[in-house]
Amino acid sequence: LSKRAEDFELAIQHDTVLEPWQCGGPLINLEGKAVGINIARAGRVASYALPASLVKRIVDDLRAKAKPRT
């Protein structure tokens, strides 16, 4: 089960039970594709992930603004 979180509209709420060390890991769909990055566990039955499309935009923005190393 996945849906948009009501109080945190940028996140996907899912029913995968995360352990503390799993935050930061990928959220994988049934096709084996990464669809998000796990960011939080909310109780025993809900967790949250940032959508992969949002993470990609953030990474692209950071790369565009990064100064080249000398």
PDB file of N, CA and C in Angstrom:
ATOM      1  N   LEU A   1       0.845  -1.183   0.000  1.00  0.00           N
ATOM      2  CA  LEU A   1       0.000   0.000   0.000  1.00  0.00           C
ATOM      3  C   LEU A   1       0.879   1.231   0.000  1.00  0.00           C
ATOM      4  N   SER A   2       0.678   2.134  -0.930  1.00  0.00           N
ATOM      5  CA  SER A   2       1.397   3.399  -0.969  1.00  0.00           C
ATOM      6  C   SER A   2       0.414   4.517  -1.220  1.00  0.00           C
ATOM      7  N   LYS A   3       0.641   5.632  -0.598  1.00  0.00           N
ATOM      8  CA  LYS A   3      -0.180   6.818  -0.835  1.00  0.00           C
ATOM      9  C   LYS A   3       0.613   8.041  -0.426  1.00  0.00           C
ATOM     10  N   ARG A   4       0.161   9.189  -0.837  1.00  0.00           N
ATOM     11  CA  ARG A   4       0.793  10.425  -0.423  1.00  0.00           C
ATOM     12  C   ARG A   4       0.465  10.668   1.040  1.00  0.00           C
ATOM     13  N   ALA A   5       1.455  11.059   1.808  1.00  0.00           N
ATOM     14  CA  ALA A   5       1.240  11.342   3.226  1.00  0.00           C
ATOM     15  C   ALA A   5       0.452  12.634   3.375  1.00  0.00           C
ATOM     16  N   GLU A   6      -0.527  12.643   4.248  1.00  0.00           N
ATOM     17  CA  GLU A   6      -1.378  13.820   4.403  1.00  0.00           C
ATOM     18  C   GLU A   6      -0.634  15.008   5.004  1.00  0.00           C
ATOM     19  N   ASP A   7       0.151  14.777   6.036  1.00  0.00           N
ATOM     20  CA  ASP A   7       0.830  15.880   6.707  1.00  0.00           C
ATOM     21  C   ASP A   7       2.186  16.204   6.105  1.00  0.00           C
ATOM     22  N   PHE A   8       2.645  15.414   5.184  1.00  0.00           N
ATOM     23  CA  PHE A   8       3.961  15.613   4.573  1.00  0.00           C
ATOM     24  C   PHE A   8       3.815  15.288   3.103  1.00  0.00           C
ATOM     25  N   GLU A   9       3.295  16.247   2.343  1.00  0.00           N
ATOM     26  CA  GLU A   9       2.869  15.965   0.977  1.00  0.00           C
ATOM     27  C   GLU A   9       3.987  15.544   0.033  1.00  0.00           C
ATOM     28  N   LEU A  10       5.229  15.814   0.381  1.00  0.00           N
ATOM     29  CA  LEU A  10       6.319  15.399  -0.489  1.00  0.00           C
ATOM     30  C   LEU A  10       6.673  13.931  -0.323  1.00  0.00           C
ATOM     31  N   ALA A  11       6.162  13.293   0.708  1.00  0.00           N
ATOM     32  CA  ALA A  11       6.531  11.913   1.009  1.00  0.00           C
ATOM     33  C   ALA A  11       5.469  10.925   0.552  1.00  0.00           C
ATOM     34  N   ILE A  12       5.920   9.706   0.311  1.00  0.00           N
ATOM     35  CA  ILE A  12       5.036   8.584   0.031  1.00  0.00           C
ATOM     36  C   ILE A  12       4.924   7.788   1.330  1.00  0.00           C
ATOM     37  N   GLN A  13       3.706   7.556   1.783  1.00  0.00           N
ATOM     38  CA  GLN A  13       3.518   6.688   2.945  1.00  0.00           C
ATOM     39  C   GLN A  13       3.360   5.263   2.431  1.00  0.00           C
ATOM     40  N   HIS A  14       4.098   4.333   3.031  1.00  0.00           N
ATOM     41  CA  HIS A  14       3.999   2.938   2.606  1.00  0.00           C
ATOM     42  C   HIS A  14       3.946   2.032   3.826  1.00  0.00           C
ATOM     43  N   ASP A  15       3.556   0.795   3.604  1.00  0.00           N
ATOM     44  CA  ASP A  15       3.361  -0.117   4.729  1.00  0.00           C
ATOM     45  C   ASP A  15       4.528  -1.079   4.938  1.00  0.00           C
ATOM     46  N   THR A  16       5.677  -0.780   4.370  1.00  0.00           N
ATOM     47  CA  THR A  16       6.869  -1.570   4.623  1.00  0.00           C
ATOM     48  C   THR A  16       7.376  -1.235   6.021  1.00  0.00           C
ATOM     49  N   VAL A  17       7.614  -2.240   6.828  1.00  0.00           N
ATOM     50  CA  VAL A  17       8.122  -2.001   8.174  1.00  0.00           C
ATOM     51  C   VAL A  17       9.628  -1.794   8.095  1.00  0.00           C
ATOM     52  N   LEU A  18      10.078  -0.611   8.472  1.00  0.00           N
ATOM     53  CA  LEU A  18      11.499  -0.283   8.425  1.00  0.00           C
ATOM     54  C   LEU A  18      12.135  -0.453   9.799  1.00  0.00           C
ATOM     55  N   GLU A  19      13.343  -0.917   9.798  1.00  0.00           N
ATOM     56  CA  GLU A  19      14.168  -0.889  11.002  1.00  0.00           C
ATOM     57  C   GLU A  19      14.976   0.402  10.943  1.00  0.00           C
ATOM     58  N   PRO A  20      15.466   0.895  12.087  1.00  0.00           N
ATOM     59  CA  PRO A  20      16.177   2.180  12.088  1.00  0.00           C
ATOM     60  C   PRO A  20      17.326   2.255  11.087  1.00  0.00           C
ATOM     61  N   TRP A  21      18.032   1.150  10.873  1.00  0.00           N
ATOM     62  CA  TRP A  21      19.169   1.179   9.962  1.00  0.00           C
ATOM     63  C   TRP A  21      18.749   1.169   8.486  1.00  0.00           C
ATOM     64  N   GLN A  22      17.461   1.032   8.204  1.00  0.00           N
ATOM     65  CA  GLN A  22      17.013   0.993   6.817  1.00  0.00           C
ATOM     66  C   GLN A  22      16.635   2.368   6.274  1.00  0.00           C
ATOM     67  N   CYS A  23      16.517   3.372   7.115  1.00  0.00           N
ATOM     68  CA  CYS A  23      16.229   4.715   6.610  1.00  0.00           C
ATOM     69  C   CYS A  23      17.421   5.163   5.772  1.00  0.00           C
ATOM     70  N   GLY A  24      17.135   5.752   4.635  1.00  0.00           N
ATOM     71  CA  GLY A  24      18.178   6.130   3.695  1.00  0.00           C
ATOM     72  C   GLY A  24      18.340   5.105   2.587  1.00  0.00           C
ATOM     73  N   GLY A  25      17.713   3.949   2.740  1.00  0.00           N
ATOM     74  CA  GLY A  25      17.786   2.918   1.715  1.00  0.00           C
ATOM     75  C   GLY A  25      16.669   3.085   0.704  1.00  0.00           C
ATOM     76  N   PRO A  26      16.726   2.335  -0.383  1.00  0.00           N
ATOM     77  CA  PRO A  26      15.723   2.473  -1.440  1.00  0.00           C
ATOM     78  C   PRO A  26      14.392   1.827  -1.087  1.00  0.00           C
ATOM     79  N   LEU A  27      13.322   2.402  -1.606  1.00  0.00           N
ATOM     80  CA  LEU A  27      11.999   1.789  -1.602  1.00  0.00           C
ATOM     81  C   LEU A  27      11.835   1.187  -2.988  1.00  0.00           C
ATOM     82  N   ILE A  28      11.641  -0.132  -3.047  1.00  0.00           N
ATOM     83  CA  ILE A  28      11.605  -0.866  -4.307  1.00  0.00           C
ATOM     84  C   ILE A  28      10.177  -1.313  -4.602  1.00  0.00           C
ATOM     85  N   ASN A  29       9.733  -1.166  -5.871  1.00  0.00           N
ATOM     86  CA  ASN A  29       8.398  -1.647  -6.235  1.00  0.00           C
ATOM     87  C   ASN A  29       8.469  -3.121  -6.631  1.00  0.00           C
ATOM     88  N   LEU A  30       7.336  -3.690  -6.996  1.00  0.00           N
ATOM     89  CA  LEU A  30       7.284  -5.115  -7.331  1.00  0.00           C
ATOM     90  C   LEU A  30       8.032  -5.460  -8.620  1.00  0.00           C
ATOM     91  N   GLU A  31       8.363  -4.447  -9.413  1.00  0.00           N
ATOM     92  CA  GLU A  31       9.130  -4.666 -10.637  1.00  0.00           C
ATOM     93  C   GLU A  31      10.633  -4.570 -10.391  1.00  0.00           C
ATOM     94  N   GLY A  32      11.020  -4.323  -9.137  1.00  0.00           N
ATOM     95  CA  GLY A  32      12.433  -4.210  -8.790  1.00  0.00           C
ATOM     96  C   GLY A  32      13.030  -2.851  -9.048  1.00  0.00           C
ATOM     97  N   LYS A  33      12.196  -1.855  -9.298  1.00  0.00           N
ATOM     98  CA  LYS A  33      12.686  -0.501  -9.572  1.00  0.00           C
ATOM     99  C   LYS A  33      12.652   0.332  -8.293  1.00  0.00           C
ATOM    100  N   ALA A  34      13.691   1.141  -8.087  1.00  0.00           N
ATOM    101  CA  ALA A  34      13.717   2.055  -6.946  1.00  0.00           C
ATOM    102  C   ALA A  34      12.737   3.196  -7.223  1.00  0.00           C
ATOM    103  N   VAL A  35      11.778   3.369  -6.340  1.00  0.00           N
ATOM    104  CA  VAL A  35      10.772   4.418  -6.521  1.00  0.00           C
ATOM    105  C   VAL A  35      10.885   5.501  -5.469  1.00  0.00           C
ATOM    106  N   GLY A  36      11.800   5.327  -4.508  1.00  0.00           N
ATOM    107  CA  GLY A  36      11.959   6.334  -3.473  1.00  0.00           C
ATOM    108  C   GLY A  36      13.117   6.000  -2.553  1.00  0.00           C
ATOM    109  N   ILE A  37      13.371   6.923  -1.635  1.00  0.00           N
ATOM    110  CA  ILE A  37      14.382   6.766  -0.604  1.00  0.00           C
ATOM    111  C   ILE A  37      13.667   6.810   0.740  1.00  0.00           C
ATOM    112  N   ASN A  38      13.798   5.749   1.537  1.00  0.00           N
ATOM    113  CA  ASN A  38      13.145   5.695   2.843  1.00  0.00           C
ATOM    114  C   ASN A  38      13.723   6.748   3.774  1.00  0.00           C
ATOM    115  N   ILE A  39      12.816   7.503   4.430  1.00  0.00           N
ATOM    116  CA  ILE A  39      13.285   8.586   5.291  1.00  0.00           C
ATOM    117  C   ILE A  39      12.825   8.474   6.729  1.00  0.00           C
ATOM    118  N   ALA A  40      11.754   7.745   7.018  1.00  0.00           N
ATOM    119  CA  ALA A  40      11.251   7.707   8.393  1.00  0.00           C
ATOM    120  C   ALA A  40      10.318   6.534   8.609  1.00  0.00           C
ATOM    121  N   ARG A  41      10.277   6.090   9.838  1.00  0.00           N
ATOM    122  CA  ARG A  41       9.326   5.068  10.271  1.00  0.00           C
ATOM    123  C   ARG A  41       8.343   5.749  11.212  1.00  0.00           C
ATOM    124  N   ALA A  42       7.063   5.477  11.005  1.00  0.00           N
ATOM    125  CA  ALA A  42       6.024   6.082  11.839  1.00  0.00           C
ATOM    126  C   ALA A  42       5.218   4.969  12.492  1.00  0.00           C
ATOM    127  N   GLY A  43       5.643   4.544  13.647  1.00  0.00           N
ATOM    128  CA  GLY A  43       4.931   3.472  14.326  1.00  0.00           C
ATOM    129  C   GLY A  43       5.270   2.124  13.744  1.00  0.00           C
ATOM    130  N   ARG A  44       4.375   1.159  13.960  1.00  0.00           N
ATOM    131  CA  ARG A  44       4.644  -0.221  13.545  1.00  0.00           C
ATOM    132  C   ARG A  44       4.214  -0.537  12.126  1.00  0.00           C
ATOM    133  N   VAL A  45       3.337   0.274  11.541  1.00  0.00           N
ATOM    134  CA  VAL A  45       2.771  -0.113  10.248  1.00  0.00           C
ATOM    135  C   VAL A  45       2.922   0.927   9.147  1.00  0.00           C
ATOM    136  N   ALA A  46       3.571   2.022   9.399  1.00  0.00           N
ATOM    137  CA  ALA A  46       3.701   3.043   8.361  1.00  0.00           C
ATOM    138  C   ALA A  46       5.128   3.567   8.322  1.00  0.00           C
ATOM    139  N   SER A  47       5.594   3.823   7.118  1.00  0.00           N
ATOM    140  CA  SER A  47       6.900   4.429   6.901  1.00  0.00           C
ATOM    141  C   SER A  47       6.756   5.438   5.774  1.00  0.00           C
ATOM    142  N   TYR A  48       7.755   6.283   5.618  1.00  0.00           N
ATOM    143  CA  TYR A  48       7.714   7.325   4.606  1.00  0.00           C
ATOM    144  C   TYR A  48       8.960   7.291   3.741  1.00  0.00           C
ATOM    145  N   ALA A  49       8.780   7.650   2.480  1.00  0.00           N
ATOM    146  CA  ALA A  49       9.880   7.711   1.520  1.00  0.00           C
ATOM    147  C   ALA A  49       9.728   8.965   0.673  1.00  0.00           C
ATOM    148  N   LEU A  50      10.858   9.533   0.285  1.00  0.00           N
ATOM    149  CA  LEU A  50      10.836  10.611  -0.702  1.00  0.00           C
ATOM    150  C   LEU A  50      10.759   9.971  -2.076  1.00  0.00           C
ATOM    151  N   PRO A  51       9.890  10.468  -2.947  1.00  0.00           N
ATOM    152  CA  PRO A  51       9.795   9.898  -4.298  1.00  0.00           C
ATOM    153  C   PRO A  51      11.120  10.028  -5.051  1.00  0.00           C
ATOM    154  N   ALA A  52      11.448   9.041  -5.847  1.00  0.00           N
ATOM    155  CA  ALA A  52      12.693   9.047  -6.616  1.00  0.00           C
ATOM    156  C   ALA A  52      12.772  10.271  -7.530  1.00  0.00           C
ATOM    157  N   SER A  53      11.648  10.699  -8.076  1.00  0.00           N
ATOM    158  CA  SER A  53      11.670  11.870  -8.963  1.00  0.00           C
ATOM    159  C   SER A  53      12.106  13.130  -8.206  1.00  0.00           C
ATOM    160  N   LEU A  54      11.691  13.273  -6.958  1.00  0.00           N
ATOM    161  CA  LEU A  54      12.109  14.423  -6.145  1.00  0.00           C
ATOM    162  C   LEU A  54      13.594  14.327  -5.820  1.00  0.00           C
ATOM    163  N   VAL A  55      14.050  13.144  -5.444  1.00  0.00           N
ATOM    164  CA  VAL A  55      15.469  12.953  -5.132  1.00  0.00           C
ATOM    165  C   VAL A  55      16.318  13.266  -6.364  1.00  0.00           C
ATOM    166  N   LYS A  56      15.880  12.834  -7.538  1.00  0.00           N
ATOM    167  CA  LYS A  56      16.622  13.121  -8.770  1.00  0.00           C
ATOM    168  C   LYS A  56      16.714  14.619  -9.031  1.00  0.00           C
ATOM    169  N   ARG A  57      15.605  15.342  -8.831  1.00  0.00           N
ATOM    170  CA  ARG A  57      15.627  16.811  -9.018  1.00  0.00           C
ATOM    171  C   ARG A  57      16.602  17.471  -8.065  1.00  0.00           C
ATOM    172  N   ILE A  58      16.614  17.036  -6.814  1.00  0.00           N
ATOM    173  CA  ILE A  58      17.519  17.618  -5.819  1.00  0.00           C
ATOM    174  C   ILE A  58      18.975  17.354  -6.206  1.00  0.00           C
ATOM    175  N   VAL A  59      19.277  16.119  -6.589  1.00  0.00           N
ATOM    176  CA  VAL A  59      20.638  15.771  -6.988  1.00  0.00           C
ATOM    177  C   VAL A  59      21.050  16.572  -8.221  1.00  0.00           C
ATOM    178  N   ASP A  60      20.174  16.682  -9.203  1.00  0.00           N
ATOM    179  CA  ASP A  60      20.484  17.462 -10.405  1.00  0.00           C
ATOM    180  C   ASP A  60      20.750  18.921 -10.062  1.00  0.00           C
ATOM    181  N   ASP A  61      19.935  19.506  -9.177  1.00  0.00           N
ATOM    182  CA  ASP A  61      20.140  20.896  -8.745  1.00  0.00           C
ATOM    183  C   ASP A  61      21.481  21.068  -8.039  1.00  0.00           C
ATOM    184  N   LEU A  62      21.816  20.128  -7.161  1.00  0.00           N
ATOM    185  CA  LEU A  62      23.096  20.208  -6.443  1.00  0.00           C
ATOM    186  C   LEU A  62      24.272  20.097  -7.407  1.00  0.00           C
ATOM    187  N   ARG A  63      24.153  19.209  -8.374  1.00  0.00           N
ATOM    188  CA  ARG A  63      25.234  19.058  -9.357  1.00  0.00           C
ATOM    189  C   ARG A  63      25.405  20.323 -10.186  1.00  0.00           C
ATOM    190  N   ALA A  64      24.294  20.940 -10.557  1.00  0.00           N
ATOM    191  CA  ALA A  64      24.343  22.154 -11.374  1.00  0.00           C
ATOM    192  C   ALA A  64      24.970  23.315 -10.599  1.00  0.00           C
ATOM    193  N   LYS A  65      24.782  23.346  -9.294  1.00  0.00           N
ATOM    194  CA  LYS A  65      25.290  24.444  -8.475  1.00  0.00           C
ATOM    195  C   LYS A  65      26.683  24.157  -7.902  1.00  0.00           C
ATOM    196  N   ALA A  66      27.147  22.931  -8.040  1.00  0.00           N
ATOM    197  CA  ALA A  66      28.445  22.548  -7.462  1.00  0.00           C
ATOM    198  C   ALA A  66      29.582  23.255  -8.183  1.00  0.00           C
ATOM    199  N   LYS A  67      30.569  23.652  -7.386  1.00  0.00           N
ATOM    200  CA  LYS A  67      31.757  24.252  -7.963  1.00  0.00           C
ATOM    201  C   LYS A  67      32.730  23.137  -8.344  1.00  0.00           C
ATOM    202  N   PRO A  68      33.348  23.244  -9.519  1.00  0.00           N
ATOM    203  CA  PRO A  68      34.307  22.214  -9.894  1.00  0.00           C
ATOM    204  C   PRO A  68      35.509  22.227  -8.955  1.00  0.00           C
ATOM    205  N   ARG A  69      36.026  21.039  -8.671  1.00  0.00           N
ATOM    206  CA  ARG A  69      37.223  20.939  -7.823  1.00  0.00           C
ATOM    207  C   ARG A  69      38.451  21.341  -8.619  1.00  0.00           C
ATOM    208  N   THR A  70      39.385  21.973  -7.946  1.00  0.00           N
ATOM    209  CA  THR A  70      40.620  22.373  -8.636  1.00  0.00           C
ATOM    210  C   THR A  70      41.792  21.541  -8.178  1.00  0.00           C
TER     211      THR A  70
END
